[in-house]
Amino acid sequence: MLRDYVLFGAVAATAYMEPVFTEDLDVIILVDTDAEYLDTFRKVAQLAGGQEGMSELTQKVREWRQSDGA
């Protein structure tokens, strides 16, 4: 489970303005160790499944934000 993360760029801006089309998701994730970084990187890469998987990953991030009360 992601603990410390932030969205930025066009996807984050849609929280404050009209949604816009973007082909990327800008995320910063704070990790404590190199091992945690590698594990997180592998999980994100697996979730994204390449360019075609980005909308699914974006939806999962929205769900994480809602479940965290963000």
N, C-alpha and C. Protein backbone atom coordinates (compact mmCIF):
# COMPACT_ATOMS: atom_id res chain seq x y z
N MET A 1 0.84 -1.18 0.00
CA MET A 1 0.00 0.00 0.00
C MET A 1 0.89 1.24 0.00
N LEU A 2 0.56 2.17 -0.85
CA LEU A 2 1.32 3.42 -0.90
C LEU A 2 1.01 4.26 0.33
N ARG A 3 2.06 4.74 0.98
CA ARG A 3 1.88 5.59 2.15
C ARG A 3 2.03 7.06 1.79
N ASP A 4 3.17 7.39 1.24
CA ASP A 4 3.49 8.79 0.95
C ASP A 4 3.68 8.98 -0.54
N TYR A 5 2.76 9.68 -1.16
CA TYR A 5 2.85 9.92 -2.60
C TYR A 5 2.16 11.23 -2.92
N VAL A 6 2.46 11.75 -4.10
CA VAL A 6 1.80 12.96 -4.57
C VAL A 6 1.65 12.87 -6.09
N LEU A 7 0.51 13.31 -6.57
CA LEU A 7 0.29 13.45 -8.01
C LEU A 7 0.60 14.90 -8.37
N PHE A 8 1.17 15.09 -9.54
CA PHE A 8 1.39 16.45 -10.02
C PHE A 8 1.21 16.45 -11.53
N GLY A 9 1.27 17.58 -12.13
CA GLY A 9 1.07 17.67 -13.57
C GLY A 9 -0.41 17.78 -13.92
N ALA A 10 -0.73 17.43 -15.16
CA ALA A 10 -2.08 17.62 -15.69
C ALA A 10 -3.14 16.82 -14.93
N VAL A 11 -2.83 15.59 -14.54
CA VAL A 11 -3.82 14.77 -13.83
C VAL A 11 -4.17 15.41 -12.49
N ALA A 12 -3.18 15.87 -11.76
CA ALA A 12 -3.43 16.53 -10.48
C ALA A 12 -4.21 17.83 -10.67
N ALA A 13 -3.92 18.54 -11.73
CA ALA A 13 -4.60 19.82 -11.99
C ALA A 13 -6.09 19.64 -12.23
N THR A 14 -6.51 18.46 -12.67
CA THR A 14 -7.94 18.24 -12.92
C THR A 14 -8.76 18.29 -11.64
N ALA A 15 -8.11 18.24 -10.49
CA ALA A 15 -8.83 18.41 -9.23
C ALA A 15 -9.32 19.85 -9.08
N TYR A 16 -8.72 20.78 -9.83
CA TYR A 16 -9.03 22.20 -9.70
C TYR A 16 -9.58 22.84 -10.97
N MET A 17 -9.60 22.09 -12.07
CA MET A 17 -10.04 22.68 -13.33
C MET A 17 -10.72 21.61 -14.19
N GLU A 18 -11.16 22.01 -15.35
CA GLU A 18 -11.78 21.09 -16.30
C GLU A 18 -10.78 19.99 -16.69
N PRO A 19 -11.22 18.72 -16.70
CA PRO A 19 -10.30 17.64 -17.10
C PRO A 19 -9.72 17.86 -18.49
N VAL A 20 -8.46 17.48 -18.65
CA VAL A 20 -7.77 17.58 -19.93
C VAL A 20 -7.18 16.22 -20.28
N PHE A 21 -6.97 16.00 -21.57
CA PHE A 21 -6.37 14.75 -22.02
C PHE A 21 -4.87 14.79 -21.78
N THR A 22 -4.35 13.72 -21.24
CA THR A 22 -2.90 13.59 -21.06
C THR A 22 -2.52 12.13 -21.22
N GLU A 23 -1.34 11.88 -21.71
CA GLU A 23 -0.90 10.50 -21.91
C GLU A 23 0.04 10.03 -20.82
N ASP A 24 0.21 10.82 -19.77
CA ASP A 24 1.11 10.39 -18.72
C ASP A 24 0.51 10.68 -17.35
N LEU A 25 1.09 10.06 -16.36
CA LEU A 25 0.70 10.27 -14.98
C LEU A 25 1.97 10.57 -14.20
N ASP A 26 2.04 11.75 -13.63
CA ASP A 26 3.23 12.17 -12.89
C ASP A 26 3.01 11.89 -11.41
N VAL A 27 3.85 11.03 -10.84
CA VAL A 27 3.71 10.61 -9.45
C VAL A 27 5.08 10.65 -8.78
N ILE A 28 5.10 11.16 -7.56
CA ILE A 28 6.29 11.06 -6.71
C ILE A 28 5.90 10.15 -5.55
N ILE A 29 6.72 9.14 -5.29
CA ILE A 29 6.46 8.20 -4.20
C ILE A 29 7.67 8.22 -3.27
N LEU A 30 7.44 8.47 -1.99
CA LEU A 30 8.51 8.48 -1.01
C LEU A 30 8.70 7.06 -0.47
N VAL A 31 9.92 6.56 -0.57
CA VAL A 31 10.24 5.23 -0.05
C VAL A 31 11.42 5.35 0.91
N ASP A 32 11.56 4.36 1.78
CA ASP A 32 12.61 4.39 2.80
C ASP A 32 13.90 3.68 2.39
N THR A 33 13.79 2.68 1.51
CA THR A 33 14.96 1.88 1.17
C THR A 33 15.02 1.62 -0.33
N ASP A 34 16.19 1.22 -0.81
CA ASP A 34 16.33 0.84 -2.21
C ASP A 34 15.44 -0.35 -2.54
N ALA A 35 15.33 -1.30 -1.62
CA ALA A 35 14.49 -2.48 -1.85
C ALA A 35 13.03 -2.08 -2.01
N GLU A 36 12.57 -1.13 -1.18
CA GLU A 36 11.19 -0.66 -1.29
C GLU A 36 10.99 0.07 -2.62
N TYR A 37 12.00 0.83 -3.06
CA TYR A 37 11.92 1.49 -4.36
C TYR A 37 11.75 0.47 -5.48
N LEU A 38 12.60 -0.55 -5.49
CA LEU A 38 12.53 -1.56 -6.55
C LEU A 38 11.19 -2.29 -6.53
N ASP A 39 10.70 -2.61 -5.34
CA ASP A 39 9.41 -3.29 -5.23
C ASP A 39 8.29 -2.40 -5.75
N THR A 40 8.30 -1.13 -5.37
CA THR A 40 7.27 -0.18 -5.83
C THR A 40 7.35 0.00 -7.33
N PHE A 41 8.56 0.16 -7.87
CA PHE A 41 8.74 0.32 -9.31
C PHE A 41 8.18 -0.87 -10.06
N ARG A 42 8.47 -2.07 -9.61
CA ARG A 42 7.97 -3.28 -10.27
C ARG A 42 6.45 -3.34 -10.24
N LYS A 43 5.86 -3.00 -9.09
CA LYS A 43 4.40 -3.04 -8.97
C LYS A 43 3.73 -2.01 -9.89
N VAL A 44 4.29 -0.81 -9.94
CA VAL A 44 3.72 0.22 -10.82
C VAL A 44 3.86 -0.20 -12.28
N ALA A 45 5.01 -0.72 -12.66
CA ALA A 45 5.21 -1.18 -14.03
C ALA A 45 4.23 -2.30 -14.38
N GLN A 46 4.00 -3.19 -13.44
CA GLN A 46 3.06 -4.29 -13.68
C GLN A 46 1.63 -3.76 -13.80
N LEU A 47 1.25 -2.82 -12.94
CA LEU A 47 -0.09 -2.23 -13.01
C LEU A 47 -0.32 -1.50 -14.32
N ALA A 48 0.68 -0.75 -14.74
CA ALA A 48 0.53 0.06 -15.95
C ALA A 48 0.42 -0.79 -17.20
N GLY A 49 1.17 -1.86 -17.28
CA GLY A 49 1.09 -2.73 -18.45
C GLY A 49 1.39 -2.00 -19.74
N GLY A 50 2.29 -1.04 -19.71
CA GLY A 50 2.59 -0.26 -20.90
C GLY A 50 1.62 0.89 -21.06
N GLN A 51 1.69 1.58 -22.18
CA GLN A 51 0.86 2.75 -22.44
C GLN A 51 -0.63 2.44 -22.34
N GLU A 52 -1.03 1.26 -22.80
CA GLU A 52 -2.44 0.90 -22.80
C GLU A 52 -3.01 0.81 -21.38
N GLY A 53 -2.16 0.53 -20.39
CA GLY A 53 -2.63 0.36 -19.03
C GLY A 53 -2.69 1.63 -18.21
N MET A 54 -2.34 2.76 -18.78
CA MET A 54 -2.29 3.99 -18.00
C MET A 54 -3.64 4.41 -17.47
N SER A 55 -4.72 4.24 -18.23
CA SER A 55 -6.02 4.66 -17.72
C SER A 55 -6.43 3.80 -16.53
N GLU A 56 -6.08 2.52 -16.56
CA GLU A 56 -6.38 1.65 -15.41
C GLU A 56 -5.57 2.09 -14.19
N LEU A 57 -4.32 2.41 -14.39
CA LEU A 57 -3.48 2.87 -13.29
C LEU A 57 -4.00 4.19 -12.73
N THR A 58 -4.40 5.10 -13.61
CA THR A 58 -4.95 6.37 -13.17
C THR A 58 -6.19 6.15 -12.32
N GLN A 59 -7.06 5.23 -12.72
CA GLN A 59 -8.26 4.92 -11.94
C GLN A 59 -7.89 4.36 -10.58
N LYS A 60 -6.90 3.49 -10.51
CA LYS A 60 -6.47 2.93 -9.23
C LYS A 60 -5.93 4.02 -8.30
N VAL A 61 -5.20 4.98 -8.86
CA VAL A 61 -4.70 6.09 -8.05
C VAL A 61 -5.87 6.90 -7.50
N ARG A 62 -6.87 7.15 -8.33
CA ARG A 62 -8.06 7.88 -7.84
C ARG A 62 -8.71 7.12 -6.69
N GLU A 63 -8.83 5.80 -6.83
CA GLU A 63 -9.42 4.98 -5.77
C GLU A 63 -8.59 5.04 -4.49
N TRP A 64 -7.24 5.01 -4.63
CA TRP A 64 -6.37 5.12 -3.46
C TRP A 64 -6.58 6.46 -2.77
N ARG A 65 -6.68 7.53 -3.56
CA ARG A 65 -6.88 8.86 -2.98
C ARG A 65 -8.19 8.92 -2.22
N GLN A 66 -9.25 8.35 -2.80
CA GLN A 66 -10.55 8.38 -2.14
C GLN A 66 -10.54 7.56 -0.86
N SER A 67 -9.88 6.41 -0.88
CA SER A 67 -9.85 5.56 0.31
C SER A 67 -9.00 6.17 1.42
N ASP A 68 -8.04 7.04 1.06
CA ASP A 68 -7.20 7.72 2.05
C ASP A 68 -7.87 9.00 2.56
N GLY A 69 -9.01 9.34 2.01
CA GLY A 69 -9.69 10.55 2.41
C GLY A 69 -9.06 11.81 1.87
N ALA A 70 -8.25 11.66 0.81
CA ALA A 70 -7.56 12.82 0.23
C ALA A 70 -8.51 13.64 -0.61
